[in-house]
Amino acid sequence: MEFYEIIIGKSALKQLENIPSNDRRRIVAQINSLANDPRPQGVKKLKGVSEDLYRIKEGNYRVVYAIDDKVKIVDIRQIGNRKDIYK
C-alpha cells in the first residue's frame, strides 16, 4: 500500500496553531490518517471551487485539502471552525 505525503501550507499551519490543544490533537490525528486514505468515509468534495477540494470534519472544525493522486500528495489548504472556514 502506498502512502500519501501530507503537505500543510503556511496559512493552514497558522490556523492550526490557533486551535485549542485538545481539538488540535484530534485534528492532527485526522490529518495523519489521510496519508493512508485521502478519501475517508465522510469526506465531501467541495462544489463551486475552481479546483478539486475536499473537506473532512472533526467536531466543529473542518480541514480543506487537495489530493494529487499522480504524485501521492495531500495538500492541506485550510483548517478552521465550521462557521469561518468557507468565507
C-alpha atoms as a PDB file:
ATOM      1  CA  MET A   1       0.000   0.000   0.000  1.00  0.00           C
ATOM      2  CA  GLU A   2       1.370   3.383  -0.973  1.00  0.00           C
ATOM      3  CA  PHE A   3       1.121   6.259   1.452  1.00  0.00           C
ATOM      4  CA  TYR A   4       0.399   9.833   0.502  1.00  0.00           C
ATOM      5  CA  GLU A   5       2.727  12.622   1.579  1.00  0.00           C
ATOM      6  CA  ILE A   6       0.968  15.305   3.613  1.00  0.00           C
ATOM      7  CA  ILE A   7       1.854  18.939   2.996  1.00  0.00           C
ATOM      8  CA  ILE A   8       0.445  21.652   5.265  1.00  0.00           C
ATOM      9  CA  GLY A   9       0.581  25.175   3.853  1.00  0.00           C
ATOM     10  CA  LYS A  10       1.854  28.091   5.916  1.00  0.00           C
ATOM     11  CA  SER A  11      -1.574  29.653   6.406  1.00  0.00           C
ATOM     12  CA  ALA A  12      -3.133  26.299   7.361  1.00  0.00           C
ATOM     13  CA  LEU A  13      -0.340  25.746   9.882  1.00  0.00           C
ATOM     14  CA  LYS A  14      -1.035  29.162  11.411  1.00  0.00           C
ATOM     15  CA  GLN A  15      -4.757  28.338  11.581  1.00  0.00           C
ATOM     16  CA  LEU A  16      -3.931  25.045  13.298  1.00  0.00           C
ATOM     17  CA  GLU A  17      -1.784  26.797  15.912  1.00  0.00           C
ATOM     18  CA  ASN A  18      -4.773  28.970  16.918  1.00  0.00           C
ATOM     19  CA  ILE A  19      -6.973  25.963  17.738  1.00  0.00           C
ATOM     20  CA  PRO A  20      -7.195  24.785  21.381  1.00  0.00           C
ATOM     21  CA  SER A  21      -4.773  21.918  22.091  1.00  0.00           C
ATOM     22  CA  ASN A  22      -7.342  19.176  22.783  1.00  0.00           C
ATOM     23  CA  ASP A  23      -9.098  19.894  19.457  1.00  0.00           C
ATOM     24  CA  ARG A  24      -5.740  20.314  17.705  1.00  0.00           C
ATOM     25  CA  ARG A  25      -4.650  16.804  18.728  1.00  0.00           C
ATOM     26  CA  ARG A  26      -7.782  15.275  17.200  1.00  0.00           C
ATOM     27  CA  ILE A  27      -7.394  17.331  14.012  1.00  0.00           C
ATOM     28  CA  VAL A  28      -3.722  16.323  13.618  1.00  0.00           C
ATOM     29  CA  ALA A  29      -4.716  12.659  14.043  1.00  0.00           C
ATOM     30  CA  GLN A  30      -7.334  13.088  11.295  1.00  0.00           C
ATOM     31  CA  ILE A  31      -4.790  14.766   9.009  1.00  0.00           C
ATOM     32  CA  ASN A  32      -2.240  11.986   9.625  1.00  0.00           C
ATOM     33  CA  SER A  33      -4.853   9.361   8.727  1.00  0.00           C
ATOM     34  CA  LEU A  34      -5.183  10.988   5.278  1.00  0.00           C
ATOM     35  CA  ALA A  35      -1.753   9.532   4.416  1.00  0.00           C
ATOM     36  CA  ASN A  36      -3.369   6.063   4.406  1.00  0.00           C
ATOM     37  CA  ASP A  37      -6.749   7.041   2.968  1.00  0.00           C
ATOM     38  CA  PRO A  38      -7.087  10.505   1.400  1.00  0.00           C
ATOM     39  CA  ARG A  39     -10.805   9.920   0.827  1.00  0.00           C
ATOM     40  CA  PRO A  40     -12.056   8.511   4.157  1.00  0.00           C
ATOM     41  CA  GLN A  41     -15.685   7.855   4.971  1.00  0.00           C
ATOM     42  CA  GLY A  42     -17.498  11.174   5.447  1.00  0.00           C
ATOM     43  CA  VAL A  43     -15.224  13.137   3.102  1.00  0.00           C
ATOM     44  CA  LYS A  44     -17.039  15.642   0.931  1.00  0.00           C
ATOM     45  CA  LYS A  45     -15.908  17.096  -2.387  1.00  0.00           C
ATOM     46  CA  LEU A  46     -16.482  20.842  -2.354  1.00  0.00           C
ATOM     47  CA  LYS A  47     -18.638  22.368  -5.063  1.00  0.00           C
ATOM     48  CA  GLY A  48     -18.284  25.785  -6.652  1.00  0.00           C
ATOM     49  CA  VAL A  49     -14.487  25.994  -6.421  1.00  0.00           C
ATOM     50  CA  SER A  50     -12.091  26.111  -9.360  1.00  0.00           C
ATOM     51  CA  GLU A  51     -10.114  23.038  -8.295  1.00  0.00           C
ATOM     52  CA  ASP A  52     -10.962  19.702  -6.726  1.00  0.00           C
ATOM     53  CA  LEU A  53     -11.006  20.340  -2.984  1.00  0.00           C
ATOM     54  CA  TYR A  54     -12.203  18.016  -0.270  1.00  0.00           C
ATOM     55  CA  ARG A  55     -13.139  18.516   3.350  1.00  0.00           C
ATOM     56  CA  ILE A  56     -13.249  16.356   6.435  1.00  0.00           C
ATOM     57  CA  LYS A  57     -14.921  17.184   9.742  1.00  0.00           C
ATOM     58  CA  GLU A  58     -13.516  16.947  13.243  1.00  0.00           C
ATOM     59  CA  GLY A  59     -16.018  18.256  15.775  1.00  0.00           C
ATOM     60  CA  ASN A  60     -16.742  21.905  14.921  1.00  0.00           C
ATOM     61  CA  TYR A  61     -13.626  22.108  12.753  1.00  0.00           C
ATOM     62  CA  ARG A  62     -13.091  21.494   9.063  1.00  0.00           C
ATOM     63  CA  VAL A  63      -9.949  20.562   7.141  1.00  0.00           C
ATOM     64  CA  VAL A  64      -9.964  21.579   3.457  1.00  0.00           C
ATOM     65  CA  TYR A  65      -7.422  19.899   1.216  1.00  0.00           C
ATOM     66  CA  ALA A  66      -6.483  18.908  -2.327  1.00  0.00           C
ATOM     67  CA  ILE A  67      -5.348  15.471  -3.483  1.00  0.00           C
ATOM     68  CA  ASP A  68      -2.807  14.795  -6.213  1.00  0.00           C
ATOM     69  CA  ASP A  69      -3.063  11.081  -6.979  1.00  0.00           C
ATOM     70  CA  LYS A  70      -0.266  11.144  -9.574  1.00  0.00           C
ATOM     71  CA  VAL A  71       2.443  12.133  -7.094  1.00  0.00           C
ATOM     72  CA  LYS A  72       0.631  10.866  -3.959  1.00  0.00           C
ATOM     73  CA  ILE A  73       0.291  14.201  -2.149  1.00  0.00           C
ATOM     74  CA  VAL A  74      -2.409  15.523   0.175  1.00  0.00           C
ATOM     75  CA  ASP A  75      -2.124  19.314   0.333  1.00  0.00           C
ATOM     76  CA  ILE A  76      -3.831  20.815   3.402  1.00  0.00           C
ATOM     77  CA  ARG A  77      -5.174  24.251   2.432  1.00  0.00           C
ATOM     78  CA  GLN A  78      -7.338  25.426   5.347  1.00  0.00           C
ATOM     79  CA  ILE A  79      -8.126  24.380   8.895  1.00  0.00           C
ATOM     80  CA  GLY A  80     -10.753  26.213  10.885  1.00  0.00           C
ATOM     81  CA  ASN A  81     -14.062  26.406  12.669  1.00  0.00           C
ATOM     82  CA  ARG A  82     -17.019  25.429  10.540  1.00  0.00           C
ATOM     83  CA  LYS A  83     -18.580  28.879  10.880  1.00  0.00           C
ATOM     84  CA  ASP A  84     -15.492  30.610   9.439  1.00  0.00           C
ATOM     85  CA  ILE A  85     -13.894  28.121   7.055  1.00  0.00           C
ATOM     86  CA  TYR A  86     -15.947  28.718   3.909  1.00  0.00           C
ATOM     87  CA  LYS A  87     -15.798  32.539   3.931  1.00  0.00           C
END
